[in-house]
Each structure stands twice: as structure tokens, then as C-alpha cells.
């Protein structure tokens, strides 16, 4: 992290990531678990809210990564504007096509960018990057499993497997952000 101010923005972006990931997961429980009890229209809008929350979580992942990578304020603003434009484009396409595959492209891109950035950080022996990189690396499995619809049984299908893997991924990312936050608190005391 470049300085205390930059570290605070890094932590805040991750806070929003966890907030929107929590919304997406919470909504997803109802969408996947109680689908048969929803009217078609209610199901559609609930499903769309889940996708938008997941896309917003990915937006904040990229925002944190941009903060992690760049010291240049102009460059960060430009990259964040591209990120916002991409988010709005993918959400619009998802609404128009009514297709989760579109959102998966945006989410997959966010995961890849974050993974590569923190792989480089990990190679520089940054402990924060190690955990975030591991979490993002594991989350690639969810994209693969969900896309191939790999399932063990009707009761433990690709959706359930993906969500279990996502939980492991989130725990690792949280660990990295927790360490970064502790560093920030420690430097504030000094």
C-alpha cells in the first residue's frame, strides 16, 4: 500500500465488496432455494437483483485492485471510469438479454485482474496479496463448475458446489483484507 490514505481506500473498497457479496449471497439463497414458491415475475426480478449485487461486488474488487496497483491519481481515475463503464455495460446487457452468462464475463474479468495483481504482490512477499490471490484463485473454480454444471448429485449440484467453494474463497480474501486493516491500524498508532 502506498500510504495510509491509499490503504484506507483499499480497505473501504473491500468493505463494499463484502457488503454486495453478502447481498448477492443472501438474495441467492431465496432465488435458488425457494424458486418453486416464486411467481415468475418475482423470481426474475429477485434473480436480477442477485446478479446486480454480484456485479457490484466485482466492481469494488477492481476498485480495490486499482488502488493497490497505482500511485498515479489520474491513472486511477481513468481506470475506475473504465471499470464503471464496464459495469454499466454488462448490467445493461444482462437486463436486455436476461442472461447470467454476461455477468459471469464481468465477474470473471474482475477475478482474473485481482488474481494477477495479487500474484505479483505475493511474488514481492506481501502477505495480504498471498491471501487475496489464493481466494481469487480458488474462485476460478466456481466459474468453471458453474459454467460446466459439474454436479455430484441432484442434492449437491453445481450451484451448491460453487457456493461452498465461494465461501472458502471469501474466507481467504477476508483474511488478506483483515491483515491489511491490522497494518493500517498499527501504522496509525505509530
N, C-alpha and C. Protein backbone atom coordinates (compact mmCIF):
# COMPACT_ATOMS: atom_id res chain seq x y z
N UNK A 1 0.84 -1.16 0.00
CA UNK A 1 0.00 0.00 0.00
C UNK A 1 0.90 1.24 0.00
N UNK A 2 0.45 2.26 -0.69
CA UNK A 2 1.31 3.41 -0.90
C UNK A 2 1.40 4.33 0.32
N UNK A 3 0.30 4.53 0.99
CA UNK A 3 0.29 5.35 2.19
C UNK A 3 -0.99 5.08 2.97
N UNK A 4 -1.11 5.75 4.12
CA UNK A 4 -2.28 5.50 4.97
C UNK A 4 -3.59 5.85 4.26
N UNK A 5 -3.61 6.98 3.54
CA UNK A 5 -4.81 7.40 2.82
C UNK A 5 -5.18 6.36 1.76
N UNK A 6 -4.19 5.91 1.02
CA UNK A 6 -4.42 4.88 0.00
C UNK A 6 -4.88 3.57 0.61
N UNK A 7 -4.31 3.22 1.74
CA UNK A 7 -4.69 1.98 2.42
C UNK A 7 -6.13 2.03 2.87
N UNK A 8 -6.57 3.20 3.35
CA UNK A 8 -7.96 3.35 3.78
C UNK A 8 -8.92 3.12 2.62
N UNK A 9 -8.61 3.69 1.45
CA UNK A 9 -9.47 3.49 0.27
C UNK A 9 -9.46 2.03 -0.17
N UNK A 10 -8.32 1.38 -0.05
CA UNK A 10 -8.20 -0.05 -0.37
C UNK A 10 -9.13 -0.86 0.53
N UNK A 11 -9.07 -0.60 1.83
CA UNK A 11 -9.91 -1.30 2.80
C UNK A 11 -11.39 -1.01 2.54
N UNK A 12 -11.73 0.26 2.29
CA UNK A 12 -13.13 0.62 2.06
C UNK A 12 -13.71 -0.07 0.83
N UNK A 13 -12.91 -0.17 -0.23
CA UNK A 13 -13.39 -0.87 -1.43
C UNK A 13 -13.69 -2.33 -1.10
N UNK A 14 -12.83 -2.95 -0.30
CA UNK A 14 -13.08 -4.35 0.09
C UNK A 14 -14.31 -4.46 0.99
N UNK A 15 -14.54 -3.44 1.83
CA UNK A 15 -15.75 -3.47 2.67
C UNK A 15 -17.00 -3.51 1.79
N UNK A 16 -17.01 -2.67 0.75
CA UNK A 16 -18.16 -2.67 -0.17
C UNK A 16 -18.25 -3.98 -0.94
N UNK A 17 -17.10 -4.57 -1.27
CA UNK A 17 -17.12 -5.89 -1.91
C UNK A 17 -17.87 -6.88 -1.03
N UNK A 18 -17.50 -6.95 0.25
CA UNK A 18 -18.15 -7.90 1.15
C UNK A 18 -19.62 -7.55 1.37
N UNK A 19 -19.97 -6.27 1.41
CA UNK A 19 -21.36 -5.87 1.55
C UNK A 19 -22.20 -6.40 0.38
N UNK A 20 -21.75 -6.11 -0.85
CA UNK A 20 -22.54 -6.53 -2.01
C UNK A 20 -22.47 -8.04 -2.24
N UNK A 21 -21.37 -8.66 -1.87
CA UNK A 21 -21.30 -10.12 -1.96
C UNK A 21 -22.29 -10.74 -0.97
N UNK A 22 -22.41 -10.13 0.20
CA UNK A 22 -23.39 -10.59 1.18
C UNK A 22 -24.81 -10.44 0.67
N UNK A 23 -25.11 -9.29 0.05
CA UNK A 23 -26.43 -9.10 -0.55
C UNK A 23 -26.70 -10.15 -1.61
N UNK A 24 -25.74 -10.35 -2.49
CA UNK A 24 -25.90 -11.32 -3.57
C UNK A 24 -26.13 -12.72 -3.02
N UNK A 25 -25.35 -13.09 -2.03
CA UNK A 25 -25.49 -14.42 -1.43
C UNK A 25 -26.83 -14.56 -0.72
N UNK A 26 -27.21 -13.55 0.04
CA UNK A 26 -28.49 -13.59 0.74
C UNK A 26 -29.67 -13.70 -0.21
N UNK A 27 -29.64 -12.90 -1.26
CA UNK A 27 -30.70 -12.97 -2.27
C UNK A 27 -30.66 -14.33 -2.97
N UNK A 28 -29.44 -14.80 -3.24
CA UNK A 28 -29.26 -16.09 -3.92
C UNK A 28 -29.87 -17.26 -3.16
N UNK A 29 -29.84 -17.19 -1.84
CA UNK A 29 -30.45 -18.25 -1.02
C UNK A 29 -31.93 -18.37 -1.38
N UNK A 30 -32.60 -17.23 -1.47
CA UNK A 30 -34.03 -17.26 -1.80
C UNK A 30 -34.27 -17.63 -3.26
N UNK A 31 -33.44 -17.10 -4.16
CA UNK A 31 -33.62 -17.37 -5.58
C UNK A 31 -33.45 -18.86 -5.87
N UNK A 32 -32.35 -19.44 -5.37
CA UNK A 32 -32.08 -20.85 -5.66
C UNK A 32 -32.89 -21.79 -4.77
N UNK A 33 -33.03 -21.43 -3.51
CA UNK A 33 -33.66 -22.34 -2.56
C UNK A 33 -35.17 -22.38 -2.61
N UNK A 34 -35.78 -21.25 -2.96
CA UNK A 34 -37.24 -21.19 -2.91
C UNK A 34 -37.85 -20.85 -4.27
N UNK A 35 -37.16 -21.23 -5.33
CA UNK A 35 -37.60 -20.91 -6.69
C UNK A 35 -39.04 -21.36 -6.95
N UNK A 36 -39.40 -22.52 -6.49
CA UNK A 36 -40.74 -23.05 -6.79
C UNK A 36 -41.86 -22.25 -6.12
N UNK A 37 -41.52 -21.46 -5.11
CA UNK A 37 -42.53 -20.68 -4.40
C UNK A 37 -42.71 -19.27 -4.97
N UNK A 38 -41.84 -18.88 -5.91
CA UNK A 38 -41.90 -17.55 -6.50
C UNK A 38 -42.80 -17.55 -7.74
N UNK A 39 -43.52 -16.45 -7.92
CA UNK A 39 -44.16 -16.22 -9.21
C UNK A 39 -43.04 -15.91 -10.20
N UNK A 40 -43.25 -16.17 -11.45
CA UNK A 40 -42.22 -15.99 -12.47
C UNK A 40 -41.64 -14.57 -12.47
N UNK A 41 -42.50 -13.57 -12.39
CA UNK A 41 -42.04 -12.18 -12.40
C UNK A 41 -41.22 -11.86 -11.15
N UNK A 42 -41.68 -12.29 -9.99
CA UNK A 42 -40.94 -12.05 -8.75
C UNK A 42 -39.60 -12.76 -8.80
N UNK A 43 -39.58 -13.98 -9.32
CA UNK A 43 -38.33 -14.73 -9.45
C UNK A 43 -37.35 -13.97 -10.34
N UNK A 44 -37.85 -13.48 -11.47
CA UNK A 44 -37.00 -12.77 -12.42
C UNK A 44 -36.34 -11.55 -11.78
N UNK A 45 -37.12 -10.72 -11.10
CA UNK A 45 -36.57 -9.51 -10.50
C UNK A 45 -35.64 -9.82 -9.32
N UNK A 46 -35.95 -10.84 -8.58
CA UNK A 46 -35.07 -11.24 -7.48
C UNK A 46 -33.76 -11.78 -8.02
N UNK A 47 -33.85 -12.59 -9.06
CA UNK A 47 -32.66 -13.14 -9.72
C UNK A 47 -31.79 -12.01 -10.28
N UNK A 48 -32.45 -11.01 -10.89
CA UNK A 48 -31.72 -9.87 -11.46
C UNK A 48 -31.02 -9.08 -10.35
N UNK A 49 -31.68 -8.88 -9.21
CA UNK A 49 -31.07 -8.18 -8.07
C UNK A 49 -29.83 -8.92 -7.58
N UNK A 50 -29.90 -10.25 -7.55
CA UNK A 50 -28.75 -11.05 -7.13
C UNK A 50 -27.57 -10.83 -8.08
N UNK A 51 -27.85 -10.81 -9.39
CA UNK A 51 -26.79 -10.60 -10.38
C UNK A 51 -26.18 -9.21 -10.28
N UNK A 52 -27.02 -8.21 -10.07
CA UNK A 52 -26.51 -6.84 -9.95
C UNK A 52 -25.65 -6.71 -8.70
N UNK A 53 -26.06 -7.31 -7.60
CA UNK A 53 -25.25 -7.27 -6.38
C UNK A 53 -23.91 -7.96 -6.60
N UNK A 54 -23.89 -9.08 -7.31
CA UNK A 54 -22.63 -9.78 -7.60
C UNK A 54 -21.74 -8.92 -8.50
N UNK A 55 -22.33 -8.25 -9.47
CA UNK A 55 -21.56 -7.37 -10.35
C UNK A 55 -20.99 -6.19 -9.57
N UNK A 56 -21.77 -5.62 -8.66
CA UNK A 56 -21.27 -4.52 -7.83
C UNK A 56 -20.13 -4.97 -6.93
N UNK A 57 -20.22 -6.18 -6.41
CA UNK A 57 -19.11 -6.73 -5.61
C UNK A 57 -17.85 -6.80 -6.46
N UNK A 58 -17.99 -7.23 -7.70
CA UNK A 58 -16.84 -7.31 -8.61
C UNK A 58 -16.30 -5.93 -8.95
N UNK A 59 -17.19 -4.96 -9.09
CA UNK A 59 -16.78 -3.57 -9.33
C UNK A 59 -15.84 -3.09 -8.21
N UNK A 60 -16.22 -3.36 -6.97
CA UNK A 60 -15.39 -2.92 -5.85
C UNK A 60 -14.11 -3.74 -5.72
N UNK A 61 -14.12 -4.97 -6.20
CA UNK A 61 -12.88 -5.76 -6.24
C UNK A 61 -11.87 -5.08 -7.16
N UNK A 62 -12.34 -4.68 -8.34
CA UNK A 62 -11.44 -4.00 -9.28
C UNK A 62 -11.02 -2.64 -8.73
N UNK A 63 -11.94 -1.94 -8.08
CA UNK A 63 -11.61 -0.63 -7.49
C UNK A 63 -10.50 -0.78 -6.44
N UNK A 64 -10.57 -1.81 -5.61
CA UNK A 64 -9.53 -2.06 -4.61
C UNK A 64 -8.21 -2.42 -5.30
N UNK A 65 -8.30 -3.18 -6.37
CA UNK A 65 -7.10 -3.59 -7.10
C UNK A 65 -6.43 -2.40 -7.77
N UNK A 66 -7.23 -1.51 -8.34
CA UNK A 66 -6.69 -0.29 -8.94
C UNK A 66 -5.95 0.52 -7.88
N UNK A 67 -6.53 0.63 -6.70
CA UNK A 67 -5.89 1.37 -5.60
C UNK A 67 -4.60 0.68 -5.18
N UNK A 68 -4.60 -0.64 -5.18
CA UNK A 68 -3.43 -1.42 -4.80
C UNK A 68 -2.29 -1.22 -5.80
N UNK A 69 -2.63 -1.10 -7.08
CA UNK A 69 -1.62 -1.08 -8.13
C UNK A 69 -1.05 0.29 -8.45
N UNK A 70 -1.87 1.31 -8.41
CA UNK A 70 -1.46 2.59 -9.00
C UNK A 70 -1.29 3.69 -7.96
N UNK A 71 -0.18 4.39 -8.09
CA UNK A 71 0.07 5.57 -7.25
C UNK A 71 -0.44 6.84 -7.93
N UNK A 72 -0.56 6.79 -9.24
CA UNK A 72 -0.93 7.95 -10.03
C UNK A 72 -2.44 8.20 -9.95
N UNK A 73 -2.82 9.37 -9.45
CA UNK A 73 -4.23 9.70 -9.24
C UNK A 73 -4.99 9.75 -10.57
N UNK A 74 -4.40 10.37 -11.59
CA UNK A 74 -5.06 10.45 -12.90
C UNK A 74 -5.28 9.06 -13.49
N UNK A 75 -4.28 8.23 -13.36
CA UNK A 75 -4.39 6.86 -13.88
C UNK A 75 -5.49 6.09 -13.15
N UNK A 76 -5.54 6.25 -11.83
CA UNK A 76 -6.58 5.57 -11.04
C UNK A 76 -7.97 6.04 -11.45
N UNK A 77 -8.13 7.35 -11.65
CA UNK A 77 -9.43 7.88 -12.05
C UNK A 77 -9.84 7.32 -13.41
N UNK A 78 -8.89 7.24 -14.33
CA UNK A 78 -9.19 6.71 -15.66
C UNK A 78 -9.57 5.23 -15.57
N UNK A 79 -8.81 4.44 -14.81
CA UNK A 79 -9.11 3.02 -14.66
C UNK A 79 -10.45 2.79 -13.96
N UNK A 80 -10.74 3.61 -12.95
CA UNK A 80 -12.03 3.48 -12.26
C UNK A 80 -13.20 3.87 -13.15
N UNK A 81 -12.98 4.84 -14.04
CA UNK A 81 -14.02 5.23 -15.00
C UNK A 81 -14.28 4.09 -16.00
N UNK A 82 -13.21 3.46 -16.47
CA UNK A 82 -13.35 2.29 -17.36
C UNK A 82 -14.09 1.17 -16.63
N UNK A 83 -13.75 0.95 -15.37
CA UNK A 83 -14.42 -0.06 -14.57
C UNK A 83 -15.91 0.24 -14.45
N UNK A 84 -16.26 1.49 -14.16
CA UNK A 84 -17.67 1.88 -14.03
C UNK A 84 -18.40 1.70 -15.36
N UNK A 85 -17.78 2.12 -16.45
CA UNK A 85 -18.39 1.97 -17.77
C UNK A 85 -18.62 0.49 -18.08
N UNK A 86 -17.63 -0.35 -17.76
CA UNK A 86 -17.77 -1.80 -17.99
C UNK A 86 -18.91 -2.37 -17.17
N UNK A 87 -18.99 -1.98 -15.90
CA UNK A 87 -20.07 -2.44 -15.03
C UNK A 87 -21.44 -2.10 -15.62
N UNK A 88 -21.61 -0.83 -15.99
CA UNK A 88 -22.90 -0.39 -16.53
C UNK A 88 -23.23 -1.09 -17.85
N UNK A 89 -22.21 -1.32 -18.67
CA UNK A 89 -22.42 -2.03 -19.94
C UNK A 89 -22.87 -3.46 -19.69
N UNK A 90 -22.17 -4.17 -18.81
CA UNK A 90 -22.53 -5.57 -18.55
C UNK A 90 -23.90 -5.69 -17.87
N UNK A 91 -24.22 -4.78 -16.97
CA UNK A 91 -25.54 -4.82 -16.34
C UNK A 91 -26.63 -4.55 -17.38
N UNK A 92 -26.39 -3.58 -18.26
CA UNK A 92 -27.37 -3.29 -19.31
C UNK A 92 -27.59 -4.49 -20.22
N UNK A 93 -26.50 -5.13 -20.63
CA UNK A 93 -26.61 -6.31 -21.49
C UNK A 93 -27.34 -7.43 -20.77
N UNK A 94 -27.07 -7.59 -19.48
CA UNK A 94 -27.74 -8.63 -18.69
C UNK A 94 -29.25 -8.37 -18.66
N UNK A 95 -29.65 -7.11 -18.47
CA UNK A 95 -31.08 -6.78 -18.48
C UNK A 95 -31.70 -7.06 -19.85
N UNK A 96 -31.01 -6.64 -20.89
CA UNK A 96 -31.55 -6.79 -22.24
C UNK A 96 -31.67 -8.26 -22.63
N UNK A 97 -30.60 -9.03 -22.35
CA UNK A 97 -30.58 -10.44 -22.77
C UNK A 97 -31.14 -11.40 -21.72
N UNK A 98 -31.31 -10.91 -20.50
CA UNK A 98 -31.80 -11.75 -19.41
C UNK A 98 -30.95 -13.01 -19.27
N UNK A 99 -29.62 -12.81 -19.21
CA UNK A 99 -28.70 -13.94 -19.25
C UNK A 99 -27.56 -13.74 -18.24
N UNK A 100 -27.42 -14.66 -17.29
CA UNK A 100 -26.38 -14.60 -16.27
C UNK A 100 -24.99 -14.76 -16.85
N UNK A 101 -24.87 -15.40 -18.02
CA UNK A 101 -23.55 -15.61 -18.63
C UNK A 101 -22.84 -14.28 -18.86
N UNK A 102 -23.58 -13.24 -19.17
CA UNK A 102 -23.00 -11.91 -19.40
C UNK A 102 -22.35 -11.39 -18.13
N UNK A 103 -23.03 -11.51 -17.01
CA UNK A 103 -22.47 -11.06 -15.74
C UNK A 103 -21.25 -11.89 -15.37
N UNK A 104 -21.26 -13.18 -15.70
CA UNK A 104 -20.11 -14.04 -15.40
C UNK A 104 -18.85 -13.56 -16.11
N UNK A 105 -19.00 -12.97 -17.30
CA UNK A 105 -17.84 -12.44 -18.02
C UNK A 105 -17.23 -11.29 -17.22
N UNK A 106 -18.06 -10.37 -16.75
CA UNK A 106 -17.57 -9.24 -15.95
C UNK A 106 -16.94 -9.73 -14.64
N UNK A 107 -17.62 -10.65 -13.97
CA UNK A 107 -17.11 -11.18 -12.70
C UNK A 107 -15.80 -11.93 -12.93
N UNK A 108 -15.75 -12.74 -13.99
CA UNK A 108 -14.52 -13.47 -14.32
C UNK A 108 -13.36 -12.54 -14.61
N UNK A 109 -13.64 -11.44 -15.30
CA UNK A 109 -12.60 -10.44 -15.58
C UNK A 109 -12.10 -9.82 -14.29
N UNK A 110 -13.01 -9.48 -13.39
CA UNK A 110 -12.62 -8.90 -12.09
C UNK A 110 -11.76 -9.88 -11.30
N UNK A 111 -12.16 -11.14 -11.29
CA UNK A 111 -11.40 -12.17 -10.57
C UNK A 111 -10.01 -12.31 -11.18
N UNK A 112 -9.92 -12.34 -12.51
CA UNK A 112 -8.63 -12.50 -13.19
C UNK A 112 -7.70 -11.32 -12.91
N UNK A 113 -8.22 -10.11 -13.02
CA UNK A 113 -7.41 -8.91 -12.77
C UNK A 113 -6.90 -8.91 -11.32
N UNK A 114 -7.78 -9.21 -10.39
CA UNK A 114 -7.40 -9.22 -8.98
C UNK A 114 -6.39 -10.32 -8.70
N UNK A 115 -6.62 -11.50 -9.26
CA UNK A 115 -5.70 -12.62 -9.07
C UNK A 115 -4.30 -12.28 -9.58
N UNK A 116 -4.20 -11.79 -10.80
CA UNK A 116 -2.89 -11.47 -11.39
C UNK A 116 -2.19 -10.38 -10.58
N UNK A 117 -2.93 -9.34 -10.20
CA UNK A 117 -2.33 -8.23 -9.43
C UNK A 117 -1.77 -8.72 -8.11
N UNK A 118 -2.52 -9.57 -7.43
CA UNK A 118 -2.06 -10.03 -6.12
C UNK A 118 -1.07 -11.19 -6.24
N UNK A 119 -1.03 -11.86 -7.37
CA UNK A 119 0.04 -12.82 -7.63
C UNK A 119 1.37 -12.08 -7.69
N UNK A 120 1.36 -10.95 -8.37
CA UNK A 120 2.57 -10.11 -8.44
C UNK A 120 2.93 -9.60 -7.05
N UNK A 121 1.92 -9.15 -6.28
CA UNK A 121 2.17 -8.72 -4.90
C UNK A 121 2.72 -9.84 -4.04
N UNK A 122 2.18 -11.04 -4.23
CA UNK A 122 2.66 -12.21 -3.47
C UNK A 122 4.11 -12.53 -3.84
N UNK A 123 4.46 -12.37 -5.10
CA UNK A 123 5.84 -12.62 -5.53
C UNK A 123 6.80 -11.64 -4.86
N UNK A 124 6.26 -10.48 -4.46
CA UNK A 124 7.06 -9.50 -3.71
C UNK A 124 6.95 -9.74 -2.21
N UNK A 125 6.43 -10.91 -1.85
CA UNK A 125 6.32 -11.39 -0.47
C UNK A 125 5.37 -10.55 0.39
N UNK A 126 4.27 -10.10 -0.21
CA UNK A 126 3.25 -9.38 0.53
C UNK A 126 2.21 -10.38 1.03
N UNK A 127 2.06 -10.48 2.35
CA UNK A 127 1.15 -11.45 2.96
C UNK A 127 -0.32 -11.16 2.61
N UNK A 128 -0.68 -9.88 2.53
CA UNK A 128 -2.04 -9.51 2.14
C UNK A 128 -2.35 -10.09 0.76
N UNK A 129 -1.43 -9.88 -0.17
CA UNK A 129 -1.61 -10.37 -1.54
C UNK A 129 -1.70 -11.89 -1.59
N UNK A 130 -0.97 -12.55 -0.73
CA UNK A 130 -0.99 -14.02 -0.72
C UNK A 130 -2.41 -14.53 -0.49
N UNK A 131 -3.08 -14.01 0.52
CA UNK A 131 -4.43 -14.48 0.85
C UNK A 131 -5.46 -14.06 -0.20
N UNK A 132 -5.36 -12.83 -0.68
CA UNK A 132 -6.30 -12.37 -1.70
C UNK A 132 -6.10 -13.17 -2.99
N UNK A 133 -4.84 -13.42 -3.36
CA UNK A 133 -4.54 -14.21 -4.55
C UNK A 133 -5.11 -15.62 -4.42
N UNK A 134 -4.90 -16.26 -3.27
CA UNK A 134 -5.43 -17.61 -3.05
C UNK A 134 -6.96 -17.63 -3.14
N UNK A 135 -7.59 -16.65 -2.52
CA UNK A 135 -9.05 -16.57 -2.57
C UNK A 135 -9.58 -16.39 -3.98
N UNK A 136 -8.95 -15.51 -4.73
CA UNK A 136 -9.38 -15.28 -6.11
C UNK A 136 -9.07 -16.50 -6.98
N UNK A 137 -7.94 -17.13 -6.73
CA UNK A 137 -7.58 -18.33 -7.49
C UNK A 137 -8.59 -19.45 -7.30
N UNK A 138 -9.00 -19.65 -6.06
CA UNK A 138 -10.00 -20.68 -5.76
C UNK A 138 -11.34 -20.33 -6.40
N UNK A 139 -11.65 -19.04 -6.47
CA UNK A 139 -12.95 -18.66 -7.03
C UNK A 139 -13.04 -18.93 -8.53
N UNK A 140 -11.89 -19.09 -9.20
CA UNK A 140 -11.93 -19.51 -10.61
C UNK A 140 -12.66 -20.84 -10.74
N UNK A 141 -12.49 -21.70 -9.74
CA UNK A 141 -13.18 -22.99 -9.76
C UNK A 141 -14.69 -22.83 -9.83
N UNK A 142 -15.22 -21.83 -9.13
CA UNK A 142 -16.68 -21.65 -9.15
C UNK A 142 -17.17 -21.29 -10.54
N UNK A 143 -16.40 -20.45 -11.23
CA UNK A 143 -16.79 -20.08 -12.60
C UNK A 143 -16.77 -21.32 -13.50
N UNK A 144 -15.75 -22.15 -13.35
CA UNK A 144 -15.64 -23.37 -14.15
C UNK A 144 -16.78 -24.34 -13.82
N UNK A 145 -16.99 -24.59 -12.54
CA UNK A 145 -18.03 -25.54 -12.11
C UNK A 145 -19.41 -25.06 -12.53
N UNK A 146 -19.67 -23.78 -12.37
CA UNK A 146 -20.98 -23.24 -12.74
C UNK A 146 -21.18 -23.30 -14.25
N UNK A 147 -20.14 -22.98 -15.02
CA UNK A 147 -20.25 -22.99 -16.48
C UNK A 147 -20.42 -24.40 -17.04
N UNK A 148 -19.73 -25.38 -16.44
CA UNK A 148 -19.83 -26.76 -16.93
C UNK A 148 -20.98 -27.52 -16.29
N UNK A 149 -21.58 -26.93 -15.26
CA UNK A 149 -22.66 -27.54 -14.48
C UNK A 149 -22.25 -28.90 -13.90
N UNK A 150 -20.98 -28.95 -13.44
CA UNK A 150 -20.46 -30.15 -12.80
C UNK A 150 -21.21 -30.38 -11.48
N UNK A 151 -21.76 -31.58 -11.30
CA UNK A 151 -22.54 -31.90 -10.10
C UNK A 151 -22.20 -33.30 -9.62
N UNK A 152 -22.29 -33.50 -8.30
CA UNK A 152 -22.13 -34.83 -7.73
C UNK A 152 -23.46 -35.58 -7.71
N UNK A 153 -24.55 -34.83 -7.44
CA UNK A 153 -25.88 -35.43 -7.39
C UNK A 153 -26.91 -34.32 -7.52
N UNK A 154 -28.16 -34.70 -7.51
CA UNK A 154 -29.25 -33.72 -7.56
C UNK A 154 -29.21 -32.84 -6.31
N UNK A 155 -28.81 -33.41 -5.20
CA UNK A 155 -28.80 -32.69 -3.93
C UNK A 155 -27.53 -31.86 -3.73
N UNK A 156 -26.46 -32.23 -4.41
CA UNK A 156 -25.22 -31.45 -4.33
C UNK A 156 -24.80 -31.12 -5.75
N UNK A 157 -25.58 -30.18 -6.34
CA UNK A 157 -25.38 -29.83 -7.74
C UNK A 157 -24.34 -28.73 -7.90
N UNK A 158 -24.16 -28.28 -9.14
CA UNK A 158 -23.13 -27.28 -9.46
C UNK A 158 -23.35 -25.98 -8.70
N UNK A 159 -24.58 -25.60 -8.42
CA UNK A 159 -24.84 -24.37 -7.67
C UNK A 159 -24.37 -24.51 -6.23
N UNK A 160 -24.66 -25.63 -5.60
CA UNK A 160 -24.24 -25.86 -4.21
C UNK A 160 -22.72 -25.96 -4.12
N UNK A 161 -22.11 -26.69 -5.05
CA UNK A 161 -20.64 -26.83 -5.05
C UNK A 161 -20.00 -25.46 -5.22
N UNK A 162 -20.52 -24.66 -6.15
CA UNK A 162 -19.97 -23.32 -6.38
C UNK A 162 -20.06 -22.45 -5.13
N UNK A 163 -21.17 -22.53 -4.42
CA UNK A 163 -21.33 -21.71 -3.22
C UNK A 163 -20.41 -22.16 -2.08
N UNK A 164 -20.17 -23.44 -1.97
CA UNK A 164 -19.22 -23.93 -0.95
C UNK A 164 -17.82 -23.41 -1.26
N UNK A 165 -17.42 -23.50 -2.52
CA UNK A 165 -16.10 -23.01 -2.92
C UNK A 165 -16.01 -21.50 -2.73
N UNK A 166 -17.09 -20.78 -3.02
CA UNK A 166 -17.10 -19.33 -2.81
C UNK A 166 -16.88 -18.97 -1.35
N UNK A 167 -17.43 -19.76 -0.45
CA UNK A 167 -17.23 -19.50 0.99
C UNK A 167 -15.76 -19.62 1.36
N UNK A 168 -15.09 -20.65 0.87
CA UNK A 168 -13.65 -20.81 1.13
C UNK A 168 -12.89 -19.62 0.55
N UNK A 169 -13.25 -19.23 -0.66
CA UNK A 169 -12.62 -18.09 -1.31
C UNK A 169 -12.79 -16.82 -0.49
N UNK A 170 -14.01 -16.57 -0.04
CA UNK A 170 -14.28 -15.36 0.74
C UNK A 170 -13.53 -15.33 2.07
N UNK A 171 -13.38 -16.49 2.69
CA UNK A 171 -12.62 -16.56 3.95
C UNK A 171 -11.17 -16.16 3.71
N UNK A 172 -10.58 -16.64 2.61
CA UNK A 172 -9.19 -16.29 2.30
C UNK A 172 -9.04 -14.81 1.97
N UNK A 173 -9.95 -14.27 1.17
CA UNK A 173 -9.90 -12.84 0.84
C UNK A 173 -10.07 -12.01 2.11
N UNK A 174 -11.02 -12.40 2.94
CA UNK A 174 -11.24 -11.69 4.20
C UNK A 174 -9.97 -11.69 5.05
N UNK A 175 -9.29 -12.81 5.09
CA UNK A 175 -8.05 -12.91 5.86
C UNK A 175 -7.02 -11.89 5.36
N UNK A 176 -6.88 -11.78 4.05
CA UNK A 176 -5.95 -10.81 3.47
C UNK A 176 -6.33 -9.38 3.81
N UNK A 177 -7.60 -9.05 3.67
CA UNK A 177 -8.07 -7.70 3.98
C UNK A 177 -7.94 -7.41 5.47
N UNK A 178 -8.19 -8.40 6.30
CA UNK A 178 -8.03 -8.27 7.75
C UNK A 178 -6.58 -7.92 8.09
N UNK A 179 -5.63 -8.60 7.47
CA UNK A 179 -4.21 -8.31 7.70
C UNK A 179 -3.89 -6.89 7.26
N UNK A 180 -4.41 -6.48 6.10
CA UNK A 180 -4.18 -5.12 5.61
C UNK A 180 -4.74 -4.09 6.59
N UNK A 181 -5.91 -4.36 7.12
CA UNK A 181 -6.54 -3.45 8.07
C UNK A 181 -5.74 -3.37 9.37
N UNK A 182 -5.21 -4.50 9.82
CA UNK A 182 -4.36 -4.51 11.02
C UNK A 182 -3.10 -3.68 10.79
N UNK A 183 -2.51 -3.81 9.61
CA UNK A 183 -1.33 -2.99 9.28
C UNK A 183 -1.67 -1.52 9.34
N UNK A 184 -2.83 -1.17 8.79
CA UNK A 184 -3.28 0.22 8.78
C UNK A 184 -3.45 0.73 10.21
N UNK A 185 -4.07 -0.07 11.06
CA UNK A 185 -4.27 0.31 12.46
C UNK A 185 -2.94 0.44 13.18
N UNK A 186 -2.00 -0.45 12.88
CA UNK A 186 -0.68 -0.41 13.51
C UNK A 186 0.09 0.84 13.11
N UNK A 187 0.04 1.21 11.81
CA UNK A 187 0.76 2.39 11.36
C UNK A 187 0.11 3.67 11.88
N UNK A 188 -1.20 3.64 12.14
CA UNK A 188 -1.89 4.82 12.68
C UNK A 188 -1.46 5.10 14.11
N UNK A 189 -1.11 4.04 14.85
CA UNK A 189 -0.69 4.18 16.24
C UNK A 189 0.71 4.78 16.32
N UNK A 190 1.54 4.46 15.37
CA UNK A 190 2.94 4.92 15.41
C UNK A 190 3.08 6.38 15.12
